[in-house]
Amino acid sequence: MEKNFIFNGATYNTREEAEEAVFNYATETYDDMLDECNEEVKIGSLSYPVSYVFKRVDEIAYRCGLNDYADSLLYDIETEEVEPEEDEIDEER
């Protein structure tokens, strides 16, 4: 019996493919999540999104936060047992 891995409605053949999809999703959504959860940073009379300031002030902490965010999403990967196709069964024999 084989397993498929599901994340965000898409199906992947290997866990590595699913983990790559998780990291790509995290990369695309991390800034939005930061900006939605925090108020803009005010410097003098100017305001900046938190994600913009965080990236430029402490790039290492930003990347660590992104990795932690991606790691937290790994729990959203679901597994699904899949019966092999008839052709695959014949090939194994």
Protein backbone atom coordinates (compact mmCIF):
# COMPACT_ATOMS: atom_id res chain seq x y z
CA MET A 1 0.00 0.00 0.00
CA GLU A 2 1.35 3.42 -0.95
CA LYS A 3 0.89 6.79 0.71
CA ASN A 4 0.08 10.15 -0.78
CA PHE A 5 0.68 13.36 1.08
CA ILE A 6 -1.86 16.18 1.04
CA PHE A 7 -1.24 19.83 1.84
CA ASN A 8 -3.51 22.76 1.15
CA GLY A 9 -5.75 20.67 -1.11
CA ALA A 10 -2.95 19.38 -3.36
CA THR A 11 -1.66 15.79 -3.43
CA TYR A 12 2.04 14.87 -3.52
CA ASN A 13 3.66 11.50 -4.11
CA THR A 14 6.46 11.94 -1.56
CA ARG A 15 6.80 13.63 1.79
CA GLU A 16 9.72 15.66 0.41
CA GLU A 17 7.47 17.14 -2.31
CA ALA A 18 4.84 18.01 0.30
CA GLU A 19 7.46 19.61 2.56
CA GLU A 20 8.73 21.70 -0.35
CA ALA A 21 5.16 22.85 -1.04
CA VAL A 22 4.80 23.79 2.65
CA PHE A 23 7.99 25.87 2.56
CA ASN A 24 6.91 27.60 -0.67
CA TYR A 25 3.51 28.38 0.88
CA ALA A 26 5.15 29.68 4.06
CA THR A 27 7.46 31.91 2.01
CA GLU A 28 4.47 33.37 0.19
CA THR A 29 2.33 33.95 3.29
CA TYR A 30 4.76 34.73 6.12
CA ASP A 31 4.92 38.48 5.46
CA ASP A 32 1.12 38.73 5.32
CA MET A 33 0.83 36.83 8.60
CA LEU A 34 3.35 39.14 10.29
CA ASP A 35 1.63 42.25 8.98
CA GLU A 36 -1.84 41.07 10.01
CA CYS A 37 -0.72 40.18 13.55
CA ASN A 38 1.21 43.39 14.27
CA GLU A 39 0.74 47.11 13.89
CA GLU A 40 2.93 49.02 11.48
CA VAL A 41 6.24 50.34 12.78
CA LYS A 42 6.38 54.12 13.02
CA ILE A 43 9.66 55.91 12.54
CA GLY A 44 9.17 59.63 12.81
CA SER A 45 6.21 60.47 10.62
CA LEU A 46 6.59 57.37 8.44
CA SER A 47 4.98 53.94 8.86
CA TYR A 48 6.31 50.62 7.60
CA PRO A 49 4.88 47.09 7.58
CA VAL A 50 6.39 44.90 10.29
CA SER A 51 7.60 42.34 7.74
CA TYR A 52 9.54 45.03 5.85
CA VAL A 53 11.25 46.31 9.00
CA PHE A 54 11.91 42.83 10.41
CA LYS A 55 13.58 41.69 7.16
CA ARG A 56 15.87 44.70 7.05
CA VAL A 57 16.69 45.10 10.73
CA ASP A 58 17.40 41.45 11.57
CA GLU A 59 17.49 39.20 8.51
CA ILE A 60 18.65 36.17 10.52
CA ALA A 61 15.76 36.44 13.00
CA TYR A 62 13.38 36.93 10.07
CA ARG A 63 14.61 33.71 8.40
CA CYS A 64 14.43 31.83 11.72
CA GLY A 65 10.84 33.01 12.14
CA LEU A 66 10.03 31.97 8.57
CA ASN A 67 11.50 28.51 9.19
CA ASP A 68 9.55 28.18 12.46
CA TYR A 69 6.38 29.21 10.63
CA ALA A 70 7.05 26.62 7.89
CA ASP A 71 7.78 23.95 10.52
CA SER A 72 4.46 24.70 12.23
CA LEU A 73 2.68 24.13 8.91
CA LEU A 74 4.27 20.69 8.48
CA TYR A 75 1.65 19.38 10.91
CA ASP A 76 -0.96 20.23 8.27
CA ILE A 77 0.39 17.57 5.90
CA GLU A 78 -2.05 14.68 5.80
CA THR A 79 -1.35 11.17 4.62
CA GLU A 80 -3.67 9.08 2.54
CA GLU A 81 -3.36 5.35 1.93
CA VAL A 82 -3.62 4.57 -1.77
CA GLU A 83 -4.23 1.21 -3.37
CA PRO A 84 -1.76 0.52 -6.18
CA GLU A 85 -3.16 0.58 -9.71
CA GLU A 86 -3.86 -2.78 -11.37
CA ASP A 87 -0.91 -2.22 -13.76
CA GLU A 88 1.44 -1.57 -10.83
CA ILE A 89 0.39 -4.81 -9.13
CA ASP A 90 1.12 -6.77 -12.31
CA GLU A 91 4.55 -5.12 -12.65
CA GLU A 92 5.49 -6.14 -9.11
CA ARG A 93 4.78 -9.81 -9.84
